[in-house]
Amino acid sequence: MMPKGLKNIMNNIAVQNLLDIINNRPVVIWGARMTGIGFHHFAKRYNLNAVGFVDSDPSLTGGKIYDLKVDLPSQLSFLKSQYRNLLVIIAVSTKEDEINNLLNKNGFSSKDYINYKDYCEGFFTIDISGICNLKCPSCANSLLPAECHKGFMSLEDFKNITRKILDEVGLISHFCLYNWGEPLLHPQIDLFIDYAHQMGIAVAVSTNFSVDSTEQLHKLVKSSPDIFKISVSGYYPDVYEVTHTGGNIDLVKSNMYRLKYYRERYHSSFPVEVNYHLYNNNIGIDLTKMKELCKELDFLFSTCYANVAPIERIIKYCQGNIDEKTKELSKLLLVDIKNGLEVTKPFHHLPCRFLDNQININWDRSVSLCCASYDSADVIISVDFLKTSLKEIKMLKRNRSLCKICMAYGIPQYILGVNRPAWDKVANQKNK
């Protein structure tokens, strides 16, 4: 028997409207990360003709995700000539404005593309673990005492949260089962993935992968998350353990080999992406060696510039109240906070996609203002998601004092790392 929630999705007006607009046209998915993979999940469920992905991140292009090639956006004109009546599905959670402008400049009419988010009521981050085993200097977990991180979400709470979401929204793209916590520490993570899949929802998992549990990894691969991201910042211990403090890079690499083995054993094809955080101390041999390892294991490899979190910490920096830990961290950053805010300045006028697009549910069912905030009194907008409607949550997110300050400093675009070419330029100049 089909689960009630899945029946609700299939009969939903938003779903039907989206299917009517697509109208059997061949579609290329702009966005090769979780939102795009979430749409691929949707396309597969409804037998849509997805012909490929495009993504502006060159580290993802040339490879395949679920047997679909990932091209650069520059290939869209070729794809349009190859597939009659091609439709671009913009399936990203945070950078739609840039993509819309780029498509318009390249001759795509409004009939040639649609924003997937217009048919979703939001993207849901469910932090199933309130615990992290590391104290990375760029993360909020390095600033707060251990007693602030208390436990794990129960499976029953997760089921109730999922059913409530299905009852309240039209279309769910995916769940991210992580935020500040380490999801692989949750002893039942496989059951969370299984239940989401049962309800027709794609799942993303992101991990530091410095977790010593072969059994946990074995269960996870059998459940097959829709994308699995591994965060690293080095190849050798003397480098990695500075910025992934408390982690063990040898354990991470061992787990990577185990992951390849289990994926092959269970014929799992879910994408694995290794996201390498760039610092001053890790852009030489460590970067080269990690790239080589990912190529050997057939994992996607991407880079991002390490920045500072949470937003409360950046606000203090902007106000001249810089703590000692942030001063020490700044010495490691390839692009410091000042330069990061400067290179994103042309985009500071854009709306905050964290506010518009995301609902952030914590392990204890409380709801946070956004995924990038952490320790201020303004962060928790509901103590219980199950007792607060989504409509009310969206209202509670409006006109928050923290948001106004954050937007005034242009912090959302800094956290997102928009204008990557400018970040690259700053980093290259620094290292000449």
Protein backbone atom coordinates (compact mmCIF):
# COMPACT_ATOMS: atom_id res chain seq x y z
CA MET A 1 0.00 0.00 0.00
CA MET A 2 1.30 3.46 -0.89
CA PRO A 3 2.08 5.63 2.17
CA LYS A 4 -0.49 8.34 2.88
CA GLY A 5 2.10 11.12 2.54
CA LEU A 6 3.19 9.92 -0.88
CA LYS A 7 -0.44 9.81 -2.01
CA ASN A 8 -0.74 13.43 -0.90
CA ILE A 9 2.26 14.38 -3.03
CA MET A 10 1.02 12.59 -6.12
CA ASN A 11 -2.39 14.22 -5.90
CA ASN A 12 -1.04 17.66 -5.06
CA ILE A 13 -1.87 20.64 -7.26
CA ALA A 14 1.71 21.94 -7.19
CA VAL A 15 2.99 18.62 -8.52
CA GLN A 16 0.38 18.53 -11.24
CA ASN A 17 1.11 22.12 -12.24
CA LEU A 18 4.80 21.33 -12.54
CA LEU A 19 4.10 18.24 -14.63
CA ASP A 20 1.74 20.22 -16.86
CA ILE A 21 4.39 22.88 -17.50
CA ILE A 22 7.09 20.33 -18.26
CA ASN A 23 4.59 18.61 -20.57
CA ASN A 24 6.94 15.78 -21.59
CA ARG A 25 9.64 18.18 -22.76
CA PRO A 26 13.26 16.99 -22.45
CA VAL A 27 14.76 18.67 -19.39
CA VAL A 28 18.28 19.56 -18.38
CA ILE A 29 18.78 20.12 -14.67
CA TRP A 30 20.80 23.18 -13.67
CA GLY A 31 22.35 22.19 -10.36
CA ALA A 32 24.28 18.98 -9.78
CA ARG A 33 24.06 19.04 -6.02
CA MET A 34 21.24 18.18 -3.69
CA THR A 35 18.41 20.29 -5.08
CA GLY A 36 19.20 19.10 -8.60
CA ILE A 37 19.46 15.53 -7.39
CA GLY A 38 16.18 16.05 -5.57
CA PHE A 39 14.59 17.05 -8.88
CA HIS A 40 16.18 14.04 -10.55
CA HIS A 41 14.46 11.92 -7.89
CA PHE A 42 11.18 13.63 -8.86
CA ALA A 43 11.85 13.16 -12.58
CA LYS A 44 12.52 9.48 -12.13
CA ARG A 45 9.35 9.01 -10.10
CA TYR A 46 7.23 10.60 -12.85
CA ASN A 47 9.16 9.15 -15.83
CA LEU A 48 10.31 12.55 -17.09
CA ASN A 49 12.92 12.83 -19.82
CA ALA A 50 15.95 14.18 -17.93
CA VAL A 51 18.82 14.42 -20.42
CA GLY A 52 21.62 15.79 -18.23
CA PHE A 53 22.88 18.21 -15.62
CA VAL A 54 24.67 21.53 -15.93
CA ASP A 55 26.63 23.17 -13.14
CA SER A 56 29.01 26.11 -13.04
CA ASP A 57 31.40 24.28 -10.70
CA PRO A 58 34.13 22.89 -12.99
CA SER A 59 34.99 20.26 -10.37
CA LEU A 60 31.66 18.56 -11.07
CA THR A 61 31.62 18.82 -14.85
CA GLY A 62 32.69 16.03 -17.14
CA GLY A 63 31.55 13.41 -14.67
CA LYS A 64 28.21 11.68 -14.29
CA ILE A 65 25.50 11.63 -11.66
CA TYR A 66 23.11 8.71 -11.89
CA ASP A 67 24.39 8.09 -15.43
CA LEU A 68 23.62 11.63 -16.56
CA LYS A 69 26.53 13.77 -17.77
CA VAL A 70 27.31 17.03 -15.96
CA ASP A 71 28.17 19.87 -18.38
CA LEU A 72 29.18 23.47 -17.87
CA PRO A 73 26.43 26.05 -18.56
CA SER A 74 28.34 27.05 -21.70
CA GLN A 75 27.09 23.78 -23.23
CA LEU A 76 23.42 24.77 -22.94
CA SER A 77 23.25 26.17 -26.47
CA PHE A 78 24.57 22.86 -27.81
CA LEU A 79 22.08 20.92 -25.71
CA LYS A 80 19.29 23.16 -26.95
CA SER A 81 20.23 22.38 -30.55
CA GLN A 82 20.45 18.67 -29.74
CA TYR A 83 17.10 18.37 -27.94
CA ARG A 84 14.07 19.97 -29.51
CA ASN A 85 12.00 22.10 -27.12
CA LEU A 86 14.55 21.71 -24.30
CA LEU A 87 13.49 22.99 -20.87
CA VAL A 88 15.99 24.09 -18.22
CA ILE A 89 15.00 23.23 -14.66
CA ILE A 90 16.84 25.57 -12.27
CA ALA A 91 17.24 23.33 -9.26
CA VAL A 92 19.41 25.19 -6.78
CA SER A 93 18.57 26.44 -3.32
CA THR A 94 20.46 29.71 -3.15
CA LYS A 95 21.70 31.22 -6.46
CA GLU A 96 18.64 31.44 -8.72
CA ASP A 97 19.08 35.16 -9.39
CA GLU A 98 22.51 34.73 -10.96
CA ILE A 99 21.29 31.83 -13.09
CA ASN A 100 18.14 33.62 -14.28
CA ASN A 101 20.23 36.61 -15.39
CA LEU A 102 22.74 34.39 -17.18
CA LEU A 103 20.01 32.54 -19.07
CA ASN A 104 18.35 35.79 -20.12
CA LYS A 105 21.67 37.16 -21.38
CA ASN A 106 22.22 34.00 -23.43
CA GLY A 107 18.95 34.12 -25.33
CA PHE A 108 16.78 31.80 -23.23
CA SER A 109 13.21 33.07 -22.96
CA SER A 110 11.08 32.69 -19.84
CA LYS A 111 9.38 29.73 -21.57
CA ASP A 112 12.69 27.89 -21.78
CA TYR A 113 13.34 27.62 -18.02
CA ILE A 114 11.56 27.32 -14.71
CA ASN A 115 12.64 27.62 -11.09
CA TYR A 116 12.05 24.37 -9.27
CA LYS A 117 11.78 26.22 -5.95
CA ASP A 118 8.62 27.98 -7.16
CA TYR A 119 6.84 24.64 -6.78
CA CYS A 120 8.39 23.72 -3.44
CA GLU A 121 7.36 25.21 -0.12
CA GLY A 122 10.94 25.29 1.03
CA PHE A 123 14.01 23.14 1.48
CA PHE A 124 14.21 21.28 4.75
CA THR A 125 17.31 20.84 6.88
CA ILE A 126 16.73 18.35 9.69
CA ASP A 127 19.70 18.17 12.04
CA ILE A 128 19.19 14.65 13.37
CA SER A 129 22.32 14.86 15.54
CA GLY A 130 22.89 17.52 18.18
CA ILE A 131 26.43 16.25 18.62
CA CYS A 132 29.65 16.72 16.67
CA ASN A 133 32.88 14.88 17.39
CA LEU A 134 35.11 17.69 16.04
CA LYS A 135 35.88 21.27 17.04
CA CYS A 136 36.76 22.86 13.69
CA PRO A 137 37.97 26.46 14.21
CA SER A 138 35.73 27.86 11.44
CA CYS A 139 32.59 26.27 12.93
CA ALA A 140 30.28 27.33 15.76
CA ASN A 141 31.03 24.05 17.53
CA SER A 142 34.51 25.33 18.37
CA LEU A 143 33.09 28.27 20.31
CA LEU A 144 30.56 26.66 22.62
CA PRO A 145 30.90 24.27 25.57
CA ALA A 146 30.14 20.58 25.04
CA GLU A 147 26.99 20.70 27.18
CA CYS A 148 25.29 22.80 24.49
CA HIS A 149 25.08 19.68 22.29
CA LYS A 150 22.71 17.24 23.91
CA GLY A 151 21.43 14.36 21.85
CA PHE A 152 19.84 12.77 18.81
CA MET A 153 16.45 13.08 17.17
CA SER A 154 14.23 10.07 17.73
CA LEU A 155 12.99 8.11 14.73
CA GLU A 156 9.42 8.64 15.88
CA ASP A 157 9.93 12.42 15.94
CA PHE A 158 11.40 12.24 12.44
CA LYS A 159 8.40 10.29 11.17
CA ASN A 160 5.99 12.77 12.73
CA ILE A 161 7.95 15.72 11.31
CA THR A 162 7.96 14.14 7.85
CA ARG A 163 4.22 13.45 7.93
CA LYS A 164 3.51 17.01 9.07
CA ILE A 165 5.60 18.44 6.25
CA LEU A 166 3.87 16.23 3.70
CA ASP A 167 0.49 17.36 4.99
CA GLU A 168 1.42 21.04 4.83
CA VAL A 169 3.42 21.50 1.63
CA GLY A 170 2.94 20.76 -2.02
CA LEU A 171 6.26 19.31 -3.08
CA ILE A 172 9.34 18.28 -1.14
CA SER A 173 12.61 18.32 -3.04
CA HIS A 174 14.77 16.67 -0.41
CA PHE A 175 15.85 16.51 3.21
CA CYS A 176 19.35 17.44 4.38
CA LEU A 177 19.95 15.33 7.48
CA TYR A 178 22.66 17.57 8.87
CA ASN A 179 23.56 21.09 9.89
CA TRP A 180 25.80 21.66 12.92
CA GLY A 181 25.79 18.05 14.11
CA GLU A 182 27.59 14.97 12.74
CA PRO A 183 24.86 12.70 11.28
CA LEU A 184 26.99 9.54 11.19
CA LEU A 185 27.05 9.57 14.99
CA HIS A 186 23.32 8.85 14.95
CA PRO A 187 22.95 5.09 15.50
CA GLN A 188 19.77 4.91 13.39
CA ILE A 189 20.69 7.10 10.44
CA ASP A 190 19.95 4.27 8.02
CA LEU A 191 16.36 4.06 9.31
CA PHE A 192 15.92 7.81 8.77
CA ILE A 193 17.06 7.47 5.16
CA ASP A 194 14.85 4.42 4.62
CA TYR A 195 11.77 6.22 5.93
CA ALA A 196 12.38 9.34 3.83
CA HIS A 197 12.73 7.15 0.74
CA GLN A 198 9.57 5.27 1.67
CA MET A 199 7.79 8.64 1.66
CA GLY A 200 9.26 9.57 -1.74
CA ILE A 201 11.81 12.10 -0.45
CA ALA A 202 15.45 12.35 -1.53
CA VAL A 203 18.10 12.53 1.20
CA ALA A 204 21.46 14.27 1.54
CA VAL A 205 24.08 13.39 4.14
CA SER A 206 27.20 15.44 4.85
CA THR A 207 29.88 14.18 7.20
CA ASN A 208 33.39 14.80 8.47
CA PHE A 209 33.77 10.99 8.03
CA SER A 210 36.07 10.76 11.03
CA VAL A 211 33.77 8.21 12.64
CA ASP A 212 35.12 4.81 13.61
CA SER A 213 32.21 2.48 12.81
CA THR A 214 32.34 -0.01 9.96
CA GLU A 215 28.86 -1.23 10.88
CA GLN A 216 27.45 2.29 10.63
CA LEU A 217 28.99 2.75 7.19
CA HIS A 218 27.72 -0.64 6.08
CA LYS A 219 24.13 0.27 7.06
CA LEU A 220 24.37 3.70 5.49
CA VAL A 221 25.43 2.36 2.09
CA LYS A 222 22.64 -0.21 2.10
CA SER A 223 20.16 2.64 2.68
CA SER A 224 21.77 4.57 -0.22
CA PRO A 225 21.46 8.32 0.45
CA ASP A 226 20.89 10.35 -2.70
CA ILE A 227 24.11 12.25 -2.22
CA PHE A 228 26.89 11.73 0.30
CA LYS A 229 29.29 14.59 0.98
CA ILE A 230 32.59 14.28 2.84
CA SER A 231 34.19 17.40 4.30
CA VAL A 232 38.00 17.47 4.44
CA SER A 233 40.78 20.05 4.72
CA GLY A 234 43.99 18.12 4.13
CA TYR A 235 45.58 14.80 3.25
CA TYR A 236 48.24 14.46 5.94
CA PRO A 237 47.59 14.63 9.70
CA ASP A 238 49.78 17.67 10.43
CA VAL A 239 47.65 19.76 8.06
CA TYR A 240 44.18 18.22 8.34
CA GLU A 241 44.07 18.11 12.12
CA VAL A 242 44.65 21.87 12.42
CA THR A 243 41.43 22.77 10.63
CA HIS A 244 39.38 19.61 11.27
CA THR A 245 40.34 19.69 14.92
CA GLY A 246 39.83 16.40 16.70
CA GLY A 247 39.55 14.44 13.46
CA ASN A 248 41.72 11.63 12.15
CA ILE A 249 42.55 11.89 8.45
CA ASP A 250 43.85 8.31 8.34
CA LEU A 251 40.45 7.13 9.59
CA VAL A 252 38.75 9.35 6.99
CA LYS A 253 40.80 7.86 4.16
CA SER A 254 40.21 4.35 5.45
CA ASN A 255 36.47 5.04 5.50
CA MET A 256 36.66 6.34 1.94
CA TYR A 257 38.09 3.02 0.78
CA ARG A 258 35.45 1.14 2.75
CA LEU A 259 32.77 3.31 1.17
CA LYS A 260 33.97 2.41 -2.32
CA TYR A 261 33.98 -1.27 -1.38
CA TYR A 262 30.44 -1.23 0.02
CA ARG A 263 29.06 0.79 -2.90
CA GLU A 264 30.43 -1.82 -5.29
CA ARG A 265 29.26 -4.69 -3.10
CA TYR A 266 25.67 -3.39 -3.00
CA HIS A 267 25.69 -1.93 -6.53
CA SER A 268 24.94 1.55 -5.15
CA SER A 269 25.40 4.42 -7.55
CA PHE A 270 24.67 7.38 -5.26
CA PRO A 271 27.12 10.26 -5.84
CA VAL A 272 29.92 10.80 -3.35
CA GLU A 273 31.40 14.30 -3.25
CA VAL A 274 34.55 15.17 -1.34
CA ASN A 275 34.43 18.88 -0.49
CA TYR A 276 37.90 20.24 0.22
CA HIS A 277 38.00 23.40 2.36
CA LEU A 278 40.82 25.66 1.18
CA TYR A 279 43.11 27.22 3.79
CA ASN A 280 46.57 28.78 3.68
CA ASN A 281 48.17 25.57 4.90
CA ASN A 282 46.57 22.97 2.61
CA ILE A 283 46.82 24.17 -1.01
CA GLY A 284 50.01 22.33 -1.91
CA ILE A 285 50.76 18.62 -1.79
CA ASP A 286 47.75 17.90 0.44
CA LEU A 287 45.36 19.27 -2.18
CA THR A 288 47.09 17.32 -4.97
CA LYS A 289 47.06 14.04 -3.03
CA MET A 290 43.38 14.34 -2.08
CA LYS A 291 42.46 15.01 -5.72
CA GLU A 292 44.38 11.89 -6.75
CA LEU A 293 42.65 9.79 -4.10
CA CYS A 294 39.21 10.94 -5.25
CA LYS A 295 40.10 10.12 -8.83
CA GLU A 296 41.23 6.65 -7.75
CA LEU A 297 37.98 6.05 -5.85
CA ASP A 298 35.78 7.65 -8.54
CA PHE A 299 34.44 10.27 -6.11
CA LEU A 300 33.51 13.80 -7.14
CA PHE A 301 35.98 16.38 -5.88
CA SER A 302 35.15 20.03 -5.21
CA THR A 303 36.72 22.92 -3.34
CA CYS A 304 35.40 25.84 -1.35
CA TYR A 305 37.07 28.65 0.50
CA ALA A 306 36.90 28.20 4.23
CA ASN A 307 34.94 31.00 5.83
CA VAL A 308 33.72 31.85 9.31
CA ALA A 309 30.54 30.70 11.02
CA PRO A 310 28.08 31.31 12.55
CA ILE A 311 26.71 34.68 11.39
CA GLU A 312 26.74 36.03 14.95
CA ARG A 313 30.52 35.71 14.90
CA ILE A 314 30.80 37.62 11.62
CA ILE A 315 28.54 40.36 12.93
CA LYS A 316 30.85 40.79 15.93
CA TYR A 317 33.78 41.01 13.52
CA CYS A 318 32.01 43.69 11.46
CA GLN A 319 31.28 45.63 14.64
CA GLY A 320 34.92 45.52 15.71
CA ASN A 321 34.42 42.93 18.43
CA ILE A 322 36.86 40.25 17.28
CA ASP A 323 37.47 37.35 19.64
CA GLU A 324 40.82 35.60 19.95
CA LYS A 325 39.67 32.42 18.19
CA THR A 326 38.53 34.42 15.17
CA LYS A 327 41.86 36.27 15.10
CA GLU A 328 43.72 32.95 15.07
CA LEU A 329 41.41 31.53 12.40
CA SER A 330 41.94 34.60 10.20
CA LYS A 331 45.62 33.67 9.91
CA LEU A 332 44.61 30.38 8.26
CA LEU A 333 42.06 31.79 5.80
CA LEU A 334 43.02 32.19 2.15
CA VAL A 335 40.34 34.87 1.85
CA ASP A 336 39.78 36.71 5.12
CA ILE A 337 36.40 38.01 6.29
CA LYS A 338 37.08 41.56 5.11
CA ASN A 339 37.99 40.48 1.57
CA GLY A 340 35.20 37.90 1.47
CA LEU A 341 32.62 40.58 2.27
CA GLU A 342 34.22 42.92 -0.26
CA VAL A 343 34.20 40.52 -3.23
CA THR A 344 30.55 39.62 -2.61
CA LYS A 345 29.51 43.28 -2.33
CA PRO A 346 27.97 43.46 -5.85
CA PHE A 347 25.47 40.82 -4.69
CA HIS A 348 24.63 42.20 -1.24
CA HIS A 349 21.33 43.61 -2.53
CA LEU A 350 19.99 40.14 -3.33
CA PRO A 351 17.44 38.55 -0.99
CA CYS A 352 18.65 36.12 1.64
CA ARG A 353 18.03 32.62 0.31
CA PHE A 354 18.54 31.14 3.77
CA LEU A 355 15.50 33.12 4.90
CA ASP A 356 13.39 32.58 1.78
CA ASN A 357 14.06 28.94 1.01
CA GLN A 358 14.99 26.99 4.10
CA ILE A 359 13.28 25.53 7.13
CA ASN A 360 15.79 24.38 9.76
CA ILE A 361 14.64 21.80 12.30
CA ASN A 362 16.94 20.83 15.15
CA TRP A 363 17.39 17.43 16.81
CA ASP A 364 15.04 18.42 19.66
CA ARG A 365 12.25 19.56 17.26
CA SER A 366 13.00 23.25 17.78
CA VAL A 367 13.21 25.46 14.70
CA SER A 368 16.13 27.81 13.99
CA LEU A 369 15.95 31.07 12.12
CA CYS A 370 18.43 29.82 9.54
CA CYS A 371 21.14 27.22 9.02
CA ALA A 372 23.96 29.75 9.47
CA SER A 373 22.88 31.19 12.84
CA TYR A 374 23.58 29.49 16.12
CA ASP A 375 24.05 31.08 19.50
CA SER A 376 22.00 34.28 19.85
CA ALA A 377 18.67 34.74 21.63
CA ASP A 378 17.01 35.52 18.29
CA VAL A 379 17.79 32.12 16.72
CA ILE A 380 15.06 29.76 18.01
CA ILE A 381 11.75 30.80 16.49
CA SER A 382 9.76 27.77 17.65
CA VAL A 383 10.47 25.31 20.45
CA ASP A 384 8.47 22.57 18.71
CA PHE A 385 8.04 22.17 14.97
CA LEU A 386 5.20 19.70 15.52
CA LYS A 387 3.16 22.37 17.31
CA THR A 388 3.85 25.22 14.91
CA SER A 389 2.45 25.45 11.39
CA LEU A 390 4.77 26.16 8.48
CA LYS A 391 2.78 29.29 7.77
CA GLU A 392 3.43 30.51 11.31
CA ILE A 393 7.13 29.57 11.08
CA LYS A 394 7.52 31.64 7.92
CA MET A 395 5.84 34.59 9.64
CA LEU A 396 8.09 34.21 12.69
CA LYS A 397 11.16 34.34 10.45
CA ARG A 398 10.23 37.82 9.22
CA ASN A 399 11.48 41.07 10.74
CA ARG A 400 14.02 39.46 13.04
CA SER A 401 16.62 41.87 14.37
CA LEU A 402 19.40 39.37 13.65
CA CYS A 403 18.34 39.19 9.97
CA LYS A 404 18.37 42.94 9.57
CA ILE A 405 21.90 43.24 10.94
CA CYS A 406 23.10 40.25 8.91
CA MET A 407 21.66 41.66 5.67
CA ALA A 408 23.09 45.12 6.36
CA TYR A 409 26.60 43.65 6.36
CA GLY A 410 25.96 41.42 3.30
CA ILE A 411 26.73 38.29 5.29
CA PRO A 412 24.41 35.84 3.43
CA GLN A 413 26.35 36.26 0.19
CA TYR A 414 29.63 35.82 2.07
CA ILE A 415 28.44 32.57 3.67
CA LEU A 416 27.31 31.35 0.22
CA GLY A 417 30.66 32.25 -1.35
CA VAL A 418 29.04 33.99 -4.32
CA ASN A 419 31.24 35.49 -7.06
CA ARG A 420 33.75 32.63 -6.95
CA PRO A 421 36.05 34.14 -9.63
CA ALA A 422 36.66 37.12 -7.34
CA TRP A 423 37.48 34.83 -4.40
CA ASP A 424 39.96 33.01 -6.66
CA LYS A 425 41.58 36.30 -7.65
CA VAL A 426 42.06 37.37 -4.03
CA ALA A 427 43.51 33.96 -3.12
CA ASN A 428 45.89 33.97 -6.10
CA GLN A 429 47.15 37.45 -5.29
CA LYS A 430 47.77 36.46 -1.69
CA ASN A 431 49.85 33.46 -2.71
CA LYS A 432 52.04 35.03 -5.39
